[in-house]
Amino acid sequence: MTANFTKFGNDYALVLGESALQQLQIDPQAEFEVKSANGELVFTPVNTTAAIDSREQKFQEAIADVHTRFGNAMKRLAE
């Protein structure tokens, strides 16, 4: 995987595509600590539980939506 820096105001931003975020299971709102080690940039999640909680919340919302939209059909299929 490769990424490029993009001019962002007076700074530069490292841009990762949606597929990279999904592959790495990174929540776009997650915070990272950035360190330089031996000429490499190392990104470490600051709070991994926040990212997990965010994904869990989205999952629960999706389940609630499915139940709302298709609950009656699911009950009939279960019978």
Protein backbone atom coordinates (compact mmCIF):
# COMPACT_ATOMS: atom_id res chain seq x y z
CA MET A 1 0.00 0.00 0.00
CA THR A 2 1.28 3.46 -0.82
CA ALA A 3 0.00 6.89 0.13
CA ASN A 4 0.88 10.46 -0.79
CA PHE A 5 1.07 13.69 1.13
CA THR A 6 -1.38 16.36 0.03
CA LYS A 7 -1.20 20.10 0.72
CA PHE A 8 -3.77 20.95 3.42
CA GLY A 9 -3.75 24.68 4.19
CA ASN A 10 -0.23 25.47 5.40
CA ASP A 11 0.36 21.81 6.31
CA TYR A 12 0.49 18.45 4.60
CA ALA A 13 -1.85 15.50 5.14
CA LEU A 14 -1.25 11.83 4.52
CA VAL A 15 -4.21 10.63 2.46
CA LEU A 16 -5.41 7.04 2.79
CA GLY A 17 -8.19 5.75 0.57
CA GLU A 18 -11.36 4.11 1.85
CA SER A 19 -10.08 0.66 0.88
CA ALA A 20 -6.90 1.20 2.95
CA LEU A 21 -8.96 2.26 5.97
CA GLN A 22 -11.14 -0.83 5.64
CA GLN A 23 -8.16 -3.14 5.14
CA LEU A 24 -6.45 -1.74 8.23
CA GLN A 25 -9.76 -1.55 10.14
CA ILE A 26 -9.16 2.11 10.95
CA ASP A 27 -11.97 4.41 11.98
CA PRO A 28 -11.47 7.77 10.21
CA GLN A 29 -12.16 9.58 13.51
CA ALA A 30 -9.53 7.61 15.45
CA GLU A 31 -6.59 9.47 16.96
CA PHE A 32 -3.02 8.30 16.36
CA GLU A 33 0.29 9.01 17.99
CA VAL A 34 2.91 9.64 15.31
CA LYS A 35 6.56 8.84 15.95
CA SER A 36 9.66 8.79 13.80
CA ALA A 37 11.85 5.72 14.19
CA ASN A 38 14.88 4.96 12.01
CA GLY A 39 13.59 7.13 9.17
CA GLU A 40 10.09 5.58 9.31
CA LEU A 41 6.81 7.07 10.46
CA VAL A 42 5.03 4.93 13.04
CA PHE A 43 1.30 5.49 13.63
CA THR A 44 -0.11 4.03 16.85
CA PRO A 45 -3.81 4.26 17.79
CA VAL A 46 -4.24 6.37 20.93
CA ASN A 47 -7.52 4.83 22.03
CA THR A 48 -8.44 1.59 20.30
CA THR A 49 -11.57 1.10 22.43
CA ALA A 50 -13.10 4.27 20.92
CA ALA A 51 -12.71 2.85 17.42
CA ILE A 52 -14.20 -0.48 18.52
CA ASP A 53 -17.07 1.30 20.28
CA SER A 54 -17.74 3.33 17.13
CA ARG A 55 -17.87 0.20 14.95
CA GLU A 56 -20.06 -1.57 17.51
CA GLN A 57 -22.45 1.38 17.58
CA LYS A 58 -22.68 1.41 13.76
CA PHE A 59 -23.30 -2.35 13.81
CA GLN A 60 -26.07 -2.02 16.40
CA GLU A 61 -27.67 0.79 14.40
CA ALA A 62 -27.60 -1.38 11.28
CA ILE A 63 -29.25 -4.26 13.15
CA ALA A 64 -31.96 -1.92 14.47
CA ASP A 65 -32.57 -0.65 10.92
CA VAL A 66 -32.90 -4.20 9.58
CA HIS A 67 -35.34 -5.09 12.37
CA THR A 68 -37.39 -1.97 11.67
CA ARG A 69 -37.51 -2.53 7.93
CA PHE A 70 -37.75 -6.32 7.79
CA GLY A 71 -38.85 -7.44 11.27
CA ASN A 72 -42.23 -8.78 10.20
CA ALA A 73 -40.74 -10.70 7.28
CA MET A 74 -38.11 -12.22 9.59
CA LYS A 75 -40.81 -13.35 12.04
CA ARG A 76 -42.74 -15.02 9.23
CA LEU A 77 -39.58 -16.73 7.95
CA ALA A 78 -38.76 -17.98 11.45
CA GLU A 79 -42.18 -19.64 11.74
